[in-house]
N, C-alpha and C. Protein backbone atom coordinates (compact mmCIF):
# COMPACT_ATOMS: atom_id res chain seq x y z
N MET A 1 315.89 -129.17 52.45
CA MET A 1 315.43 -129.02 53.83
C MET A 1 314.06 -128.33 53.84
N ASP A 2 313.23 -128.75 54.77
CA ASP A 2 311.94 -128.10 54.93
C ASP A 2 312.14 -126.67 55.37
N SER A 3 311.16 -125.84 55.07
CA SER A 3 311.29 -124.43 55.42
C SER A 3 311.30 -124.23 56.93
N LEU A 4 311.93 -123.14 57.33
CA LEU A 4 312.05 -122.78 58.74
C LEU A 4 311.05 -121.70 59.08
N PHE A 5 310.73 -121.60 60.36
CA PHE A 5 309.75 -120.64 60.84
C PHE A 5 310.34 -119.87 62.02
N LEU A 6 310.33 -118.56 61.89
CA LEU A 6 310.74 -117.67 62.98
C LEU A 6 309.45 -117.21 63.65
N VAL A 7 309.23 -117.68 64.87
CA VAL A 7 307.97 -117.42 65.56
C VAL A 7 308.11 -116.15 66.38
N ASP A 8 307.28 -115.17 66.06
CA ASP A 8 307.30 -113.88 66.75
C ASP A 8 306.75 -114.03 68.17
N THR A 9 307.16 -113.13 69.02
CA THR A 9 306.70 -113.09 70.41
C THR A 9 305.19 -113.10 70.51
N SER A 10 304.52 -112.41 69.61
CA SER A 10 303.05 -112.32 69.63
C SER A 10 302.39 -113.70 69.53
N VAL A 11 303.03 -114.63 68.87
CA VAL A 11 302.50 -115.98 68.73
C VAL A 11 302.95 -116.87 69.88
N TRP A 12 304.23 -116.74 70.27
CA TRP A 12 304.71 -117.53 71.41
C TRP A 12 303.83 -117.30 72.64
N ILE A 13 303.47 -116.05 72.89
CA ILE A 13 302.65 -115.73 74.06
C ILE A 13 301.32 -116.48 74.00
N CYS A 14 300.73 -116.52 72.82
CA CYS A 14 299.44 -117.21 72.66
C CYS A 14 299.56 -118.72 72.83
N ALA A 15 300.73 -119.27 72.58
CA ALA A 15 300.95 -120.71 72.71
C ALA A 15 301.39 -121.10 74.12
N LEU A 16 302.06 -120.19 74.83
CA LEU A 16 302.65 -120.54 76.12
C LEU A 16 301.79 -120.22 77.34
N ARG A 17 300.90 -119.27 77.21
CA ARG A 17 300.12 -118.87 78.39
C ARG A 17 299.12 -119.96 78.80
N LYS A 18 298.65 -119.88 80.02
CA LYS A 18 297.72 -120.89 80.54
C LYS A 18 296.42 -120.93 79.75
N ASP A 19 295.92 -119.77 79.36
CA ASP A 19 294.70 -119.71 78.54
C ASP A 19 295.09 -119.59 77.06
N TYR A 20 295.89 -120.54 76.61
CA TYR A 20 296.42 -120.54 75.25
C TYR A 20 295.31 -120.65 74.20
N ILE A 21 295.66 -120.28 72.98
CA ILE A 21 294.75 -120.42 71.85
C ILE A 21 295.05 -121.77 71.20
N PRO A 22 294.10 -122.71 71.25
CA PRO A 22 294.38 -124.08 70.81
C PRO A 22 294.97 -124.21 69.39
N GLU A 23 294.46 -123.45 68.42
CA GLU A 23 294.97 -123.53 67.06
C GLU A 23 296.44 -123.12 66.98
N ILE A 24 296.77 -122.10 67.73
CA ILE A 24 298.16 -121.62 67.72
C ILE A 24 299.07 -122.62 68.45
N LYS A 25 298.63 -123.08 69.61
CA LYS A 25 299.44 -124.03 70.37
C LYS A 25 299.72 -125.29 69.56
N SER A 26 298.72 -125.84 68.90
CA SER A 26 298.93 -127.07 68.13
C SER A 26 299.85 -126.81 66.92
N TYR A 27 299.73 -125.65 66.30
CA TYR A 27 300.59 -125.30 65.17
C TYR A 27 302.05 -125.22 65.62
N ILE A 28 302.29 -124.55 66.73
CA ILE A 28 303.65 -124.40 67.26
C ILE A 28 304.20 -125.76 67.69
N GLU A 29 303.39 -126.57 68.36
CA GLU A 29 303.85 -127.90 68.78
C GLU A 29 304.25 -128.75 67.58
N LYS A 30 303.48 -128.66 66.50
CA LYS A 30 303.80 -129.41 65.28
C LYS A 30 305.15 -128.96 64.72
N LEU A 31 305.35 -127.65 64.63
CA LEU A 31 306.63 -127.14 64.12
C LEU A 31 307.79 -127.54 65.03
N LEU A 32 307.57 -127.51 66.34
CA LEU A 32 308.61 -127.93 67.28
C LEU A 32 308.95 -129.40 67.08
N ASP A 33 307.93 -130.23 66.94
CA ASP A 33 308.14 -131.67 66.72
C ASP A 33 308.94 -131.93 65.45
N GLU A 34 308.76 -131.07 64.46
CA GLU A 34 309.45 -131.22 63.18
C GLU A 34 310.80 -130.49 63.14
N ASP A 35 311.20 -129.88 64.26
CA ASP A 35 312.46 -129.11 64.35
C ASP A 35 312.55 -128.04 63.27
N ARG A 36 311.47 -127.29 63.10
CA ARG A 36 311.44 -126.28 62.04
C ARG A 36 311.37 -124.85 62.58
N ILE A 37 311.50 -124.69 63.91
CA ILE A 37 311.45 -123.35 64.50
C ILE A 37 312.85 -122.85 64.80
N VAL A 38 313.08 -121.60 64.41
CA VAL A 38 314.31 -120.89 64.79
C VAL A 38 313.89 -119.68 65.62
N ILE A 39 314.85 -119.13 66.32
CA ILE A 39 314.58 -117.97 67.17
C ILE A 39 315.72 -116.98 67.00
N ASN A 40 315.51 -115.75 67.41
CA ASN A 40 316.61 -114.79 67.46
C ASN A 40 316.67 -114.18 68.86
N SER A 41 317.71 -113.43 69.12
CA SER A 41 317.94 -112.91 70.46
C SER A 41 316.91 -111.86 70.87
N ILE A 42 316.32 -111.15 69.92
CA ILE A 42 315.29 -110.15 70.24
C ILE A 42 314.03 -110.84 70.77
N ILE A 43 313.58 -111.88 70.06
CA ILE A 43 312.38 -112.60 70.49
C ILE A 43 312.62 -113.27 71.84
N LYS A 44 313.81 -113.85 71.99
CA LYS A 44 314.16 -114.49 73.27
C LYS A 44 314.12 -113.46 74.41
N LEU A 45 314.67 -112.29 74.17
CA LEU A 45 314.66 -111.22 75.17
C LEU A 45 313.24 -110.83 75.54
N GLU A 46 312.39 -110.62 74.53
CA GLU A 46 311.01 -110.23 74.80
C GLU A 46 310.28 -111.28 75.63
N LEU A 47 310.47 -112.55 75.29
CA LEU A 47 309.79 -113.62 76.03
C LEU A 47 310.30 -113.75 77.46
N LEU A 48 311.60 -113.70 77.64
CA LEU A 48 312.16 -113.86 78.98
C LEU A 48 311.85 -112.65 79.87
N ALA A 49 311.76 -111.48 79.27
CA ALA A 49 311.41 -110.28 80.05
C ALA A 49 310.01 -110.39 80.62
N GLY A 50 309.16 -111.18 79.98
CA GLY A 50 307.77 -111.31 80.43
C GLY A 50 307.54 -112.39 81.48
N THR A 51 308.59 -113.09 81.88
CA THR A 51 308.40 -114.12 82.91
C THR A 51 308.22 -113.47 84.27
N ARG A 52 307.57 -114.20 85.17
CA ARG A 52 307.22 -113.62 86.48
C ARG A 52 308.13 -114.04 87.61
N THR A 53 308.73 -115.23 87.50
CA THR A 53 309.57 -115.73 88.60
C THR A 53 310.90 -116.22 88.04
N LYS A 54 311.89 -116.38 88.92
CA LYS A 54 313.19 -116.90 88.49
C LYS A 54 313.04 -118.32 87.95
N LYS A 55 312.16 -119.11 88.57
CA LYS A 55 311.94 -120.48 88.12
C LYS A 55 311.35 -120.50 86.71
N GLU A 56 310.36 -119.65 86.48
CA GLU A 56 309.74 -119.56 85.15
C GLU A 56 310.76 -119.08 84.13
N PHE A 57 311.58 -118.09 84.51
CA PHE A 57 312.63 -117.57 83.64
C PHE A 57 313.59 -118.70 83.24
N ALA A 58 314.07 -119.44 84.25
CA ALA A 58 315.05 -120.50 84.00
C ALA A 58 314.46 -121.61 83.12
N ARG A 59 313.22 -121.99 83.39
CA ARG A 59 312.58 -123.05 82.62
C ARG A 59 312.39 -122.63 81.15
N LEU A 60 311.91 -121.41 80.95
CA LEU A 60 311.69 -120.93 79.59
C LEU A 60 313.03 -120.72 78.86
N LYS A 61 314.02 -120.19 79.56
CA LYS A 61 315.33 -119.96 78.94
C LYS A 61 315.93 -121.27 78.45
N LEU A 62 315.80 -122.31 79.23
CA LEU A 62 316.31 -123.62 78.85
C LEU A 62 315.64 -124.11 77.56
N ARG A 63 314.33 -123.93 77.47
CA ARG A 63 313.58 -124.35 76.29
C ARG A 63 313.96 -123.50 75.06
N LEU A 64 314.09 -122.20 75.26
CA LEU A 64 314.43 -121.32 74.13
C LEU A 64 315.86 -121.53 73.67
N ASP A 65 316.76 -121.78 74.62
CA ASP A 65 318.17 -122.00 74.26
C ASP A 65 318.36 -123.26 73.42
N ALA A 66 317.40 -124.17 73.48
CA ALA A 66 317.49 -125.41 72.70
C ALA A 66 317.15 -125.19 71.22
N LEU A 67 316.56 -124.05 70.90
CA LEU A 67 316.18 -123.75 69.52
C LEU A 67 317.37 -123.19 68.74
N PRO A 68 317.50 -123.52 67.47
CA PRO A 68 318.56 -122.91 66.66
C PRO A 68 318.33 -121.39 66.61
N GLU A 69 319.42 -120.65 66.73
CA GLU A 69 319.30 -119.19 66.77
C GLU A 69 319.80 -118.56 65.48
N VAL A 70 318.99 -117.65 64.96
CA VAL A 70 319.37 -116.84 63.81
C VAL A 70 320.18 -115.68 64.35
N GLU A 71 321.42 -115.60 63.93
CA GLU A 71 322.29 -114.54 64.42
C GLU A 71 321.88 -113.19 63.84
N ILE A 72 321.82 -112.21 64.69
CA ILE A 72 321.56 -110.84 64.21
C ILE A 72 322.93 -110.21 63.95
N ASN A 73 323.41 -110.48 62.74
CA ASN A 73 324.75 -110.04 62.35
C ASN A 73 324.69 -108.72 61.57
N GLN A 74 325.82 -108.32 61.04
CA GLN A 74 325.90 -107.04 60.31
C GLN A 74 324.95 -107.02 59.11
N ALA A 75 324.84 -108.14 58.40
CA ALA A 75 323.96 -108.19 57.23
C ALA A 75 322.50 -107.98 57.64
N VAL A 76 322.11 -108.56 58.78
CA VAL A 76 320.74 -108.38 59.27
C VAL A 76 320.50 -106.91 59.63
N TRP A 77 321.47 -106.30 60.32
CA TRP A 77 321.34 -104.89 60.68
C TRP A 77 321.22 -104.01 59.44
N GLU A 78 322.05 -104.26 58.44
CA GLU A 78 322.02 -103.44 57.22
C GLU A 78 320.71 -103.62 56.47
N SER A 79 320.22 -104.84 56.42
CA SER A 79 318.93 -105.10 55.78
C SER A 79 317.81 -104.38 56.54
N ALA A 80 317.86 -104.43 57.87
CA ALA A 80 316.85 -103.75 58.70
C ALA A 80 316.89 -102.24 58.47
N GLN A 81 318.08 -101.69 58.36
CA GLN A 81 318.20 -100.25 58.12
C GLN A 81 317.53 -99.86 56.81
N LEU A 82 317.78 -100.65 55.77
CA LEU A 82 317.19 -100.37 54.46
C LEU A 82 315.67 -100.56 54.49
N MET A 83 315.20 -101.61 55.17
CA MET A 83 313.76 -101.83 55.30
C MET A 83 313.09 -100.65 55.99
N ALA A 84 313.68 -100.22 57.10
CA ALA A 84 313.10 -99.11 57.86
C ALA A 84 313.07 -97.84 57.00
N PHE A 85 314.15 -97.58 56.30
CA PHE A 85 314.23 -96.41 55.43
C PHE A 85 313.15 -96.48 54.34
N ASP A 86 313.08 -97.61 53.65
CA ASP A 86 312.11 -97.76 52.56
C ASP A 86 310.67 -97.62 53.06
N LEU A 87 310.37 -98.25 54.19
CA LEU A 87 309.00 -98.18 54.72
C LEU A 87 308.64 -96.76 55.14
N ARG A 88 309.57 -96.07 55.79
CA ARG A 88 309.30 -94.68 56.20
C ARG A 88 309.06 -93.78 55.00
N ARG A 89 309.81 -93.98 53.91
CA ARG A 89 309.61 -93.18 52.70
C ARG A 89 308.22 -93.40 52.13
N LYS A 90 307.62 -94.55 52.42
CA LYS A 90 306.28 -94.86 51.94
C LYS A 90 305.21 -94.47 52.97
N GLY A 91 305.64 -93.84 54.07
CA GLY A 91 304.71 -93.41 55.10
C GLY A 91 304.29 -94.51 56.06
N ILE A 92 305.03 -95.61 56.08
CA ILE A 92 304.69 -96.74 56.94
C ILE A 92 305.63 -96.74 58.15
N GLY A 93 305.05 -96.56 59.33
CA GLY A 93 305.83 -96.58 60.57
C GLY A 93 305.65 -97.91 61.28
N ILE A 94 306.71 -98.66 61.36
CA ILE A 94 306.68 -99.96 62.02
C ILE A 94 307.72 -99.93 63.14
N PRO A 95 307.40 -100.45 64.33
CA PRO A 95 308.39 -100.46 65.41
C PRO A 95 309.71 -101.09 64.95
N LEU A 96 310.81 -100.50 65.36
CA LEU A 96 312.11 -100.95 64.89
C LEU A 96 312.42 -102.39 65.33
N ILE A 97 311.91 -102.81 66.47
CA ILE A 97 312.09 -104.20 66.89
C ILE A 97 311.46 -105.13 65.85
N ASP A 98 310.28 -104.78 65.36
CA ASP A 98 309.63 -105.60 64.33
C ASP A 98 310.44 -105.61 63.03
N ILE A 99 311.06 -104.49 62.71
CA ILE A 99 311.91 -104.42 61.52
C ILE A 99 313.09 -105.38 61.66
N ILE A 100 313.69 -105.42 62.84
CA ILE A 100 314.82 -106.34 63.06
C ILE A 100 314.35 -107.79 62.94
N ILE A 101 313.18 -108.09 63.47
CA ILE A 101 312.63 -109.44 63.35
C ILE A 101 312.37 -109.77 61.88
N LEU A 102 311.80 -108.85 61.13
CA LEU A 102 311.58 -109.06 59.70
C LEU A 102 312.89 -109.32 58.97
N SER A 103 313.89 -108.53 59.26
CA SER A 103 315.18 -108.69 58.61
C SER A 103 315.82 -110.02 58.98
N SER A 104 315.70 -110.39 60.22
CA SER A 104 316.23 -111.67 60.71
C SER A 104 315.54 -112.84 59.99
N GLY A 105 314.24 -112.72 59.82
CA GLY A 105 313.49 -113.75 59.11
C GLY A 105 313.90 -113.87 57.65
N THR A 106 314.05 -112.75 56.98
CA THR A 106 314.44 -112.81 55.57
C THR A 106 315.87 -113.31 55.42
N SER A 107 316.76 -112.93 56.32
CA SER A 107 318.15 -113.38 56.20
C SER A 107 318.29 -114.88 56.40
N SER A 108 317.39 -115.47 57.17
CA SER A 108 317.44 -116.92 57.42
C SER A 108 316.48 -117.68 56.50
N ASN A 109 315.87 -116.95 55.56
CA ASN A 109 314.90 -117.52 54.63
C ASN A 109 313.79 -118.25 55.39
N SER A 110 313.33 -117.64 56.47
CA SER A 110 312.29 -118.22 57.32
C SER A 110 310.96 -117.53 57.08
N THR A 111 309.91 -118.28 57.31
CA THR A 111 308.58 -117.70 57.34
C THR A 111 308.37 -117.16 58.75
N ILE A 112 307.92 -115.92 58.84
CA ILE A 112 307.69 -115.31 60.15
C ILE A 112 306.24 -115.59 60.55
N VAL A 113 306.08 -116.27 61.68
CA VAL A 113 304.76 -116.61 62.20
C VAL A 113 304.42 -115.51 63.20
N HIS A 114 303.29 -114.84 62.98
CA HIS A 114 303.00 -113.66 63.79
C HIS A 114 301.52 -113.51 64.10
N ARG A 115 301.28 -112.57 64.98
CA ARG A 115 299.93 -112.10 65.31
C ARG A 115 300.04 -110.60 65.58
N ASP A 116 300.60 -109.90 64.63
CA ASP A 116 300.96 -108.49 64.79
C ASP A 116 300.65 -107.74 63.50
N LYS A 117 299.81 -106.74 63.59
CA LYS A 117 299.38 -105.99 62.39
C LYS A 117 300.54 -105.31 61.67
N HIS A 118 301.63 -105.01 62.38
CA HIS A 118 302.76 -104.35 61.73
C HIS A 118 303.39 -105.21 60.64
N PHE A 119 303.42 -106.51 60.87
CA PHE A 119 303.98 -107.40 59.86
C PHE A 119 303.12 -107.41 58.60
N GLU A 120 301.82 -107.34 58.79
CA GLU A 120 300.92 -107.29 57.63
C GLU A 120 301.09 -105.99 56.85
N LEU A 121 301.33 -104.89 57.55
CA LEU A 121 301.61 -103.63 56.86
C LEU A 121 302.87 -103.76 56.00
N ALA A 122 303.88 -104.39 56.56
CA ALA A 122 305.16 -104.54 55.84
C ALA A 122 305.02 -105.47 54.64
N ARG A 123 304.13 -106.45 54.75
CA ARG A 123 303.96 -107.43 53.66
C ARG A 123 303.66 -106.75 52.33
N LYS A 124 302.95 -105.63 52.36
CA LYS A 124 302.56 -104.94 51.13
C LYS A 124 303.75 -104.34 50.39
N TYR A 125 304.85 -104.10 51.12
CA TYR A 125 305.98 -103.36 50.54
C TYR A 125 307.29 -104.14 50.50
N LEU A 126 307.37 -105.23 51.26
CA LEU A 126 308.62 -105.97 51.34
C LEU A 126 308.44 -107.40 50.84
N ASN A 127 309.51 -107.99 50.39
CA ASN A 127 309.49 -109.39 49.94
C ASN A 127 309.74 -110.27 51.17
N ILE A 128 308.67 -110.58 51.90
CA ILE A 128 308.77 -111.37 53.13
C ILE A 128 307.76 -112.51 53.09
N HIS A 129 308.07 -113.55 53.85
CA HIS A 129 307.16 -114.70 53.96
C HIS A 129 306.54 -114.68 55.35
N LEU A 130 305.21 -114.63 55.39
CA LEU A 130 304.51 -114.53 56.67
C LEU A 130 303.44 -115.60 56.80
N LYS A 131 303.22 -116.03 58.04
CA LYS A 131 302.08 -116.86 58.41
C LYS A 131 301.38 -116.08 59.52
N SER A 132 300.16 -115.63 59.25
CA SER A 132 299.44 -114.76 60.17
C SER A 132 298.40 -115.51 60.98
N PHE A 133 298.35 -115.18 62.27
CA PHE A 133 297.29 -115.65 63.16
C PHE A 133 296.48 -114.46 63.67
N LEU A 134 296.46 -113.38 62.91
CA LEU A 134 295.73 -112.18 63.32
C LEU A 134 294.23 -112.44 63.48
N SER A 135 293.70 -113.36 62.74
CA SER A 135 292.25 -113.60 62.78
C SER A 135 291.81 -114.34 64.04
N LEU A 136 292.74 -114.86 64.82
CA LEU A 136 292.38 -115.60 66.04
C LEU A 136 292.43 -114.72 67.26
């Protein structure tokens, strides 16, 4: 099977907004066409919390619910706990939501597509697969 991609909220926002970033939007559309995007409940929550109207909420929820979901199960939580512990011991403070997303990505063997400097900090210390759009 082709590799899967867990798209972080930071990238979804750049692809979904009216003044989208063309490179990001086309990349996400390609992955969607190939059925290679997965999502988790944290990213879904962040995206839906940012909607402005009930209509926008319902439309986006329908689209997100169609994506395969990576379950945030006990193994993901335990991996996140260890990641957070290890990073803190190295003096690296990363928001815990990002740690859960990282753990979710590694548990599903997905590449995390992001536009968030915290993921790049983690890359130096963790065995994770990332696709960065920080330069855009």
